[in-house]
Amino acid sequence: MRESRRSDCPISSALDLLGDRWSLLVMRDVLLRGKSHYREFLASEERIATNILADRLARLEAAGLLGKTADDRRSGKQAYHATGKGKDLIPLLLEMMAWSAAYDPQAAVPAALVAALRKDRAGTARAIRDMGGIEAFLAAAG
């Protein structure tokens, strides 16, 4: 996490942590897509470089948005998970998806999710948080 702040503006403060190209995509993968291992993040369609991924995971962990398990005895790999602070980003990510659905015809936002957000944004965010991601939410809704 960066040591200095540009200002006390809450938007500036959030951007200091999440305003780069990759941090919100890593959080998207954890919170909405259920990814937890390094190799899963690397497989995302945006194709993040390994050095950038390692840096963002470390920054997000240092900021208290992600935690990680000890090495898995079977695989020797660590698993990342969202903390409560990290899970509080779900409504922000959903708002970004809703905005993209409204203004970008090429954005891949499931119609059932858009409908659920229009009906009850807060309830949809809670359900996605409780169910562990969008896929489980959509499966339950459909």
C-alpha atoms as a PDB file:
ATOM      1  CA  MET A   1       0.000   0.000   0.000  1.00  0.00           C
ATOM      2  CA  ARG A   2       1.250   3.490  -0.735  1.00  0.00           C
ATOM      3  CA  GLU A   3       2.705   5.424   2.162  1.00  0.00           C
ATOM      4  CA  SER A   4       1.486   8.904   1.228  1.00  0.00           C
ATOM      5  CA  ARG A   5      -1.935  10.279   0.414  1.00  0.00           C
ATOM      6  CA  ARG A   6      -2.715  12.890  -2.173  1.00  0.00           C
ATOM      7  CA  SER A   7      -5.580  14.285  -0.118  1.00  0.00           C
ATOM      8  CA  ASP A   8      -8.257  13.385   2.407  1.00  0.00           C
ATOM      9  CA  CYS A   9     -10.894  13.169  -0.345  1.00  0.00           C
ATOM     10  CA  PRO A  10     -12.613   9.760   0.019  1.00  0.00           C
ATOM     11  CA  ILE A  11     -12.539   9.132  -3.741  1.00  0.00           C
ATOM     12  CA  SER A  12      -8.855   9.985  -3.926  1.00  0.00           C
ATOM     13  CA  SER A  13      -8.188   7.744  -0.939  1.00  0.00           C
ATOM     14  CA  ALA A  14      -9.959   4.793  -2.577  1.00  0.00           C
ATOM     15  CA  LEU A  15      -8.111   5.418  -5.836  1.00  0.00           C
ATOM     16  CA  ASP A  16      -4.787   5.403  -4.004  1.00  0.00           C
ATOM     17  CA  LEU A  17      -5.482   1.759  -3.179  1.00  0.00           C
ATOM     18  CA  LEU A  18      -7.711   0.559  -6.021  1.00  0.00           C
ATOM     19  CA  GLY A  19      -7.135   2.990  -8.870  1.00  0.00           C
ATOM     20  CA  ASP A  20      -4.650   1.022 -10.924  1.00  0.00           C
ATOM     21  CA  ARG A  21      -5.622  -1.197 -13.835  1.00  0.00           C
ATOM     22  CA  TRP A  22      -5.387  -4.505 -11.953  1.00  0.00           C
ATOM     23  CA  SER A  23      -6.462  -4.277  -8.298  1.00  0.00           C
ATOM     24  CA  LEU A  24     -10.221  -4.235  -8.906  1.00  0.00           C
ATOM     25  CA  LEU A  25      -9.867  -7.080 -11.406  1.00  0.00           C
ATOM     26  CA  VAL A  26      -8.129  -9.217  -8.782  1.00  0.00           C
ATOM     27  CA  MET A  27     -10.878  -8.343  -6.308  1.00  0.00           C
ATOM     28  CA  ARG A  28     -13.498  -9.155  -8.975  1.00  0.00           C
ATOM     29  CA  ASP A  29     -11.943 -12.579  -9.432  1.00  0.00           C
ATOM     30  CA  VAL A  30     -11.955 -13.294  -5.698  1.00  0.00           C
ATOM     31  CA  LEU A  31     -15.341 -11.797  -4.848  1.00  0.00           C
ATOM     32  CA  LEU A  32     -17.455 -12.537  -7.891  1.00  0.00           C
ATOM     33  CA  ARG A  33     -15.765 -15.424  -9.670  1.00  0.00           C
ATOM     34  CA  GLY A  34     -14.605 -17.497  -6.706  1.00  0.00           C
ATOM     35  CA  LYS A  35     -10.931 -17.581  -7.658  1.00  0.00           C
ATOM     36  CA  SER A  36      -8.457 -18.131  -4.868  1.00  0.00           C
ATOM     37  CA  HIS A  37      -5.176 -19.473  -6.256  1.00  0.00           C
ATOM     38  CA  TYR A  38      -2.399 -17.693  -8.115  1.00  0.00           C
ATOM     39  CA  ARG A  39      -2.775 -19.864 -11.227  1.00  0.00           C
ATOM     40  CA  GLU A  40      -6.512 -19.069 -11.360  1.00  0.00           C
ATOM     41  CA  PHE A  41      -5.803 -15.332 -11.394  1.00  0.00           C
ATOM     42  CA  LEU A  42      -3.276 -15.814 -14.186  1.00  0.00           C
ATOM     43  CA  ALA A  43      -5.930 -17.604 -16.256  1.00  0.00           C
ATOM     44  CA  SER A  44      -8.252 -14.558 -16.307  1.00  0.00           C
ATOM     45  CA  GLU A  45      -8.943 -13.170 -19.763  1.00  0.00           C
ATOM     46  CA  GLU A  46      -7.077  -9.905 -19.070  1.00  0.00           C
ATOM     47  CA  ARG A  47      -3.791 -11.867 -18.858  1.00  0.00           C
ATOM     48  CA  ILE A  48      -2.093 -10.124 -15.940  1.00  0.00           C
ATOM     49  CA  ALA A  49       1.690 -10.509 -15.830  1.00  0.00           C
ATOM     50  CA  THR A  50       3.086 -12.614 -12.987  1.00  0.00           C
ATOM     51  CA  ASN A  51       5.116  -9.771 -11.453  1.00  0.00           C
ATOM     52  CA  ILE A  52       2.099  -7.443 -11.442  1.00  0.00           C
ATOM     53  CA  LEU A  53      -0.153 -10.131  -9.971  1.00  0.00           C
ATOM     54  CA  ALA A  54       2.315 -10.849  -7.165  1.00  0.00           C
ATOM     55  CA  ASP A  55       2.545  -7.115  -6.416  1.00  0.00           C
ATOM     56  CA  ARG A  56      -1.243  -6.586  -6.388  1.00  0.00           C
ATOM     57  CA  LEU A  57      -1.885  -9.614  -4.177  1.00  0.00           C
ATOM     58  CA  ALA A  58       0.712  -8.329  -1.706  1.00  0.00           C
ATOM     59  CA  ARG A  59      -0.757  -4.790  -1.770  1.00  0.00           C
ATOM     60  CA  LEU A  60      -4.332  -6.002  -1.320  1.00  0.00           C
ATOM     61  CA  GLU A  61      -3.255  -8.242   1.530  1.00  0.00           C
ATOM     62  CA  ALA A  62      -1.295  -5.414   3.191  1.00  0.00           C
ATOM     63  CA  ALA A  63      -4.373  -3.175   2.892  1.00  0.00           C
ATOM     64  CA  GLY A  64      -6.510  -5.791   4.631  1.00  0.00           C
ATOM     65  CA  LEU A  65      -8.701  -6.578   1.616  1.00  0.00           C
ATOM     66  CA  LEU A  66      -7.313 -10.091   1.136  1.00  0.00           C
ATOM     67  CA  GLY A  67      -6.038 -12.758   3.465  1.00  0.00           C
ATOM     68  CA  LYS A  68      -4.216 -15.929   2.552  1.00  0.00           C
ATOM     69  CA  THR A  69      -4.065 -19.382   3.966  1.00  0.00           C
ATOM     70  CA  ALA A  70      -0.938 -21.195   4.962  1.00  0.00           C
ATOM     71  CA  ASP A  71       0.449 -23.488   2.303  1.00  0.00           C
ATOM     72  CA  ASP A  72      -1.961 -26.239   1.340  1.00  0.00           C
ATOM     73  CA  ARG A  73      -0.439 -29.525   2.447  1.00  0.00           C
ATOM     74  CA  ARG A  74      -1.431 -31.295  -0.761  1.00  0.00           C
ATOM     75  CA  SER A  75      -0.441 -28.706  -3.337  1.00  0.00           C
ATOM     76  CA  GLY A  76       1.992 -26.443  -1.501  1.00  0.00           C
ATOM     77  CA  LYS A  77      -0.034 -23.474  -2.764  1.00  0.00           C
ATOM     78  CA  GLN A  78      -1.577 -20.613  -0.846  1.00  0.00           C
ATOM     79  CA  ALA A  79      -5.221 -19.684  -1.235  1.00  0.00           C
ATOM     80  CA  TYR A  80      -6.397 -16.078  -1.110  1.00  0.00           C
ATOM     81  CA  HIS A  81      -9.744 -15.023   0.328  1.00  0.00           C
ATOM     82  CA  ALA A  82     -11.536 -11.728   0.776  1.00  0.00           C
ATOM     83  CA  THR A  83     -11.689 -10.276   4.249  1.00  0.00           C
ATOM     84  CA  GLY A  84     -14.789  -8.475   5.493  1.00  0.00           C
ATOM     85  CA  LYS A  85     -13.225  -5.230   4.299  1.00  0.00           C
ATOM     86  CA  GLY A  86     -12.671  -6.778   0.887  1.00  0.00           C
ATOM     87  CA  LYS A  87     -16.221  -8.151   0.717  1.00  0.00           C
ATOM     88  CA  ASP A  88     -17.490  -4.630   1.277  1.00  0.00           C
ATOM     89  CA  LEU A  89     -16.320  -3.883  -2.289  1.00  0.00           C
ATOM     90  CA  ILE A  90     -19.054  -6.109  -3.775  1.00  0.00           C
ATOM     91  CA  PRO A  91     -21.604  -3.265  -4.113  1.00  0.00           C
ATOM     92  CA  LEU A  92     -18.979  -1.107  -5.857  1.00  0.00           C
ATOM     93  CA  LEU A  93     -18.156  -3.864  -8.335  1.00  0.00           C
ATOM     94  CA  LEU A  94     -21.853  -4.489  -8.987  1.00  0.00           C
ATOM     95  CA  GLU A  95     -22.433  -0.766  -9.613  1.00  0.00           C
ATOM     96  CA  MET A  96     -19.598  -0.803 -12.126  1.00  0.00           C
ATOM     97  CA  MET A  97     -21.180  -3.814 -13.844  1.00  0.00           C
ATOM     98  CA  ALA A  98     -24.600  -2.135 -13.918  1.00  0.00           C
ATOM     99  CA  TRP A  99     -23.079   1.031 -15.358  1.00  0.00           C
ATOM    100  CA  SER A 100     -21.255  -0.979 -18.035  1.00  0.00           C
ATOM    101  CA  ALA A 101     -24.430  -2.881 -18.879  1.00  0.00           C
ATOM    102  CA  ALA A 102     -26.241   0.429 -19.397  1.00  0.00           C
ATOM    103  CA  TYR A 103     -23.575   2.172 -21.483  1.00  0.00           C
ATOM    104  CA  ASP A 104     -21.467  -0.510 -23.178  1.00  0.00           C
ATOM    105  CA  PRO A 105     -23.407  -2.854 -25.444  1.00  0.00           C
ATOM    106  CA  GLN A 106     -20.410  -5.209 -25.609  1.00  0.00           C
ATOM    107  CA  ALA A 107     -20.138  -5.623 -21.837  1.00  0.00           C
ATOM    108  CA  ALA A 108     -20.788  -9.223 -20.819  1.00  0.00           C
ATOM    109  CA  VAL A 109     -23.237  -8.745 -17.962  1.00  0.00           C
ATOM    110  CA  PRO A 110     -25.820 -11.519 -17.454  1.00  0.00           C
ATOM    111  CA  ALA A 111     -29.350 -10.238 -18.045  1.00  0.00           C
ATOM    112  CA  ALA A 112     -30.548 -11.978 -14.861  1.00  0.00           C
ATOM    113  CA  LEU A 113     -27.979 -10.029 -12.847  1.00  0.00           C
ATOM    114  CA  VAL A 114     -29.007  -6.727 -14.430  1.00  0.00           C
ATOM    115  CA  ALA A 115     -32.663  -7.496 -13.639  1.00  0.00           C
ATOM    116  CA  ALA A 116     -31.827  -8.418 -10.046  1.00  0.00           C
ATOM    117  CA  LEU A 117     -29.823  -5.219  -9.589  1.00  0.00           C
ATOM    118  CA  ARG A 118     -32.673  -3.117 -10.968  1.00  0.00           C
ATOM    119  CA  LYS A 119     -35.107  -4.779  -8.575  1.00  0.00           C
ATOM    120  CA  ASP A 120     -32.997  -4.731  -5.384  1.00  0.00           C
ATOM    121  CA  ARG A 121     -29.366  -3.610  -5.524  1.00  0.00           C
ATOM    122  CA  ALA A 122     -28.625  -4.051  -1.817  1.00  0.00           C
ATOM    123  CA  GLY A 123     -30.352  -7.436  -1.623  1.00  0.00           C
ATOM    124  CA  THR A 124     -28.502  -8.666  -4.712  1.00  0.00           C
ATOM    125  CA  ALA A 125     -25.168  -7.571  -3.247  1.00  0.00           C
ATOM    126  CA  ARG A 126     -25.951  -9.354   0.045  1.00  0.00           C
ATOM    127  CA  ALA A 127     -26.971 -12.528  -1.765  1.00  0.00           C
ATOM    128  CA  ILE A 128     -23.819 -12.558  -3.896  1.00  0.00           C
ATOM    129  CA  ARG A 129     -21.722 -12.019  -0.770  1.00  0.00           C
ATOM    130  CA  ASP A 130     -23.520 -14.795   1.113  1.00  0.00           C
ATOM    131  CA  MET A 131     -23.389 -17.232  -1.811  1.00  0.00           C
ATOM    132  CA  GLY A 132     -19.748 -16.604  -2.633  1.00  0.00           C
ATOM    133  CA  GLY A 133     -20.060 -15.161  -6.116  1.00  0.00           C
ATOM    134  CA  ILE A 134     -22.156 -14.414  -9.145  1.00  0.00           C
ATOM    135  CA  GLU A 135     -22.279 -17.958 -10.541  1.00  0.00           C
ATOM    136  CA  ALA A 136     -23.895 -19.328  -7.391  1.00  0.00           C
ATOM    137  CA  PHE A 137     -26.283 -16.377  -7.291  1.00  0.00           C
ATOM    138  CA  LEU A 138     -27.339 -16.866 -10.899  1.00  0.00           C
ATOM    139  CA  ALA A 139     -27.729 -20.622 -10.415  1.00  0.00           C
ATOM    140  CA  ALA A 140     -30.025 -20.018  -7.444  1.00  0.00           C
ATOM    141  CA  ALA A 141     -31.986 -17.323  -9.291  1.00  0.00           C
ATOM    142  CA  GLY A 142     -32.465 -19.393 -12.433  1.00  0.00           C
END
